[in-house]
Structures are given as C-alpha cells and as structure tokens.
C-alpha cells in the first residue's frame, strides 16, 4: 500500500514500474471521510446537473 498526499503524485510513482518492468500496476483510490466532506459541494453540483 502506498499513500499519496495528492493524486498528482501517482504518475511519478507508477510510470517507472510501467517502463522498467512492463509491470501491471493497479491503483485503487480511497477517500477518507475528510476527503469526502471536501468533495461534497462538487458531488452536489454534479447530482444537480446530471441526475434527472
């Protein structure tokens, strides 16, 4: 398991494995409760815009 402070860090971690070892890297993002709370307004906006 690897923890990142920001999703933008994923390529710097994963690309060397792809290139050097032709590895199959699977990434499963997980949100904490705090992450979900921060995302709340964006989720609400998406629901209003796309759910009908």
C-alpha atoms as a PDB file:
ATOM      1  CA  UNK A   1       0.000   0.000   0.000  1.00  0.00           C
ATOM      2  CA  UNK A   2       1.186   3.494  -0.859  1.00  0.00           C
ATOM      3  CA  UNK A   3      -0.246   6.737   0.482  1.00  0.00           C
ATOM      4  CA  UNK A   4      -0.106   9.930  -1.564  1.00  0.00           C
ATOM      5  CA  UNK A   5      -0.760  13.447  -0.362  1.00  0.00           C
ATOM      6  CA  UNK A   6      -2.280  14.293  -3.753  1.00  0.00           C
ATOM      7  CA  UNK A   7      -3.391  12.231  -6.767  1.00  0.00           C
ATOM      8  CA  UNK A   8      -0.929  14.143  -8.957  1.00  0.00           C
ATOM      9  CA  UNK A   9       1.847  12.095  -7.307  1.00  0.00           C
ATOM     10  CA  UNK A  10       0.576   8.822  -8.811  1.00  0.00           C
ATOM     11  CA  UNK A  11       2.330   9.076 -12.216  1.00  0.00           C
ATOM     12  CA  UNK A  12       5.732   9.718 -10.641  1.00  0.00           C
ATOM     13  CA  UNK A  13       5.287   6.530  -8.628  1.00  0.00           C
ATOM     14  CA  UNK A  14       3.699   4.293 -11.268  1.00  0.00           C
ATOM     15  CA  UNK A  15       5.475   5.221 -14.518  1.00  0.00           C
ATOM     16  CA  UNK A  16       8.902   3.831 -13.562  1.00  0.00           C
ATOM     17  CA  UNK A  17       7.274   0.443 -12.917  1.00  0.00           C
ATOM     18  CA  UNK A  18       5.493   0.540 -16.273  1.00  0.00           C
ATOM     19  CA  UNK A  19       8.644   1.490 -18.146  1.00  0.00           C
ATOM     20  CA  UNK A  20      11.330  -0.515 -16.348  1.00  0.00           C
ATOM     21  CA  UNK A  21       9.479  -3.756 -15.715  1.00  0.00           C
ATOM     22  CA  UNK A  22       6.467  -3.576 -18.024  1.00  0.00           C
ATOM     23  CA  UNK A  23       4.536  -4.050 -14.819  1.00  0.00           C
ATOM     24  CA  UNK A  24       0.788  -4.178 -14.485  1.00  0.00           C
ATOM     25  CA  UNK A  25       0.106  -1.566 -11.818  1.00  0.00           C
ATOM     26  CA  UNK A  26      -3.384  -1.320 -10.372  1.00  0.00           C
ATOM     27  CA  UNK A  27      -4.371   1.788  -8.465  1.00  0.00           C
ATOM     28  CA  UNK A  28      -7.422   1.860  -6.226  1.00  0.00           C
ATOM     29  CA  UNK A  29      -8.011   5.375  -4.890  1.00  0.00           C
ATOM     30  CA  UNK A  30      -9.579   5.546  -1.464  1.00  0.00           C
ATOM     31  CA  UNK A  31     -11.195   8.589   0.103  1.00  0.00           C
ATOM     32  CA  UNK A  32     -11.172   9.371   3.791  1.00  0.00           C
ATOM     33  CA  UNK A  33     -14.182  10.951   5.435  1.00  0.00           C
ATOM     34  CA  UNK A  34     -12.379  14.307   5.275  1.00  0.00           C
ATOM     35  CA  UNK A  35     -11.793  13.860   1.525  1.00  0.00           C
ATOM     36  CA  UNK A  36     -15.449  13.043   1.024  1.00  0.00           C
ATOM     37  CA  UNK A  37     -16.505  16.109   3.010  1.00  0.00           C
ATOM     38  CA  UNK A  38     -14.241  18.320   0.858  1.00  0.00           C
ATOM     39  CA  UNK A  39     -15.755  16.782  -2.266  1.00  0.00           C
ATOM     40  CA  UNK A  40     -19.317  17.336  -1.017  1.00  0.00           C
ATOM     41  CA  UNK A  41     -20.009  20.572  -2.916  1.00  0.00           C
ATOM     42  CA  UNK A  42     -18.689  19.119  -6.193  1.00  0.00           C
ATOM     43  CA  UNK A  43     -20.765  15.972  -5.707  1.00  0.00           C
ATOM     44  CA  UNK A  44     -23.872  18.034  -5.010  1.00  0.00           C
ATOM     45  CA  UNK A  45     -23.240  20.158  -8.118  1.00  0.00           C
ATOM     46  CA  UNK A  46     -22.806  17.046 -10.294  1.00  0.00           C
ATOM     47  CA  UNK A  47     -26.010  15.496  -8.940  1.00  0.00           C
ATOM     48  CA  UNK A  48     -27.997  18.651  -9.685  1.00  0.00           C
ATOM     49  CA  UNK A  49     -26.511  18.935 -13.160  1.00  0.00           C
ATOM     50  CA  UNK A  50     -26.582  15.331 -14.348  1.00  0.00           C
ATOM     51  CA  UNK A  51     -29.147  13.384 -12.331  1.00  0.00           C
ATOM     52  CA  UNK A  52     -32.637  13.774 -13.655  1.00  0.00           C
END
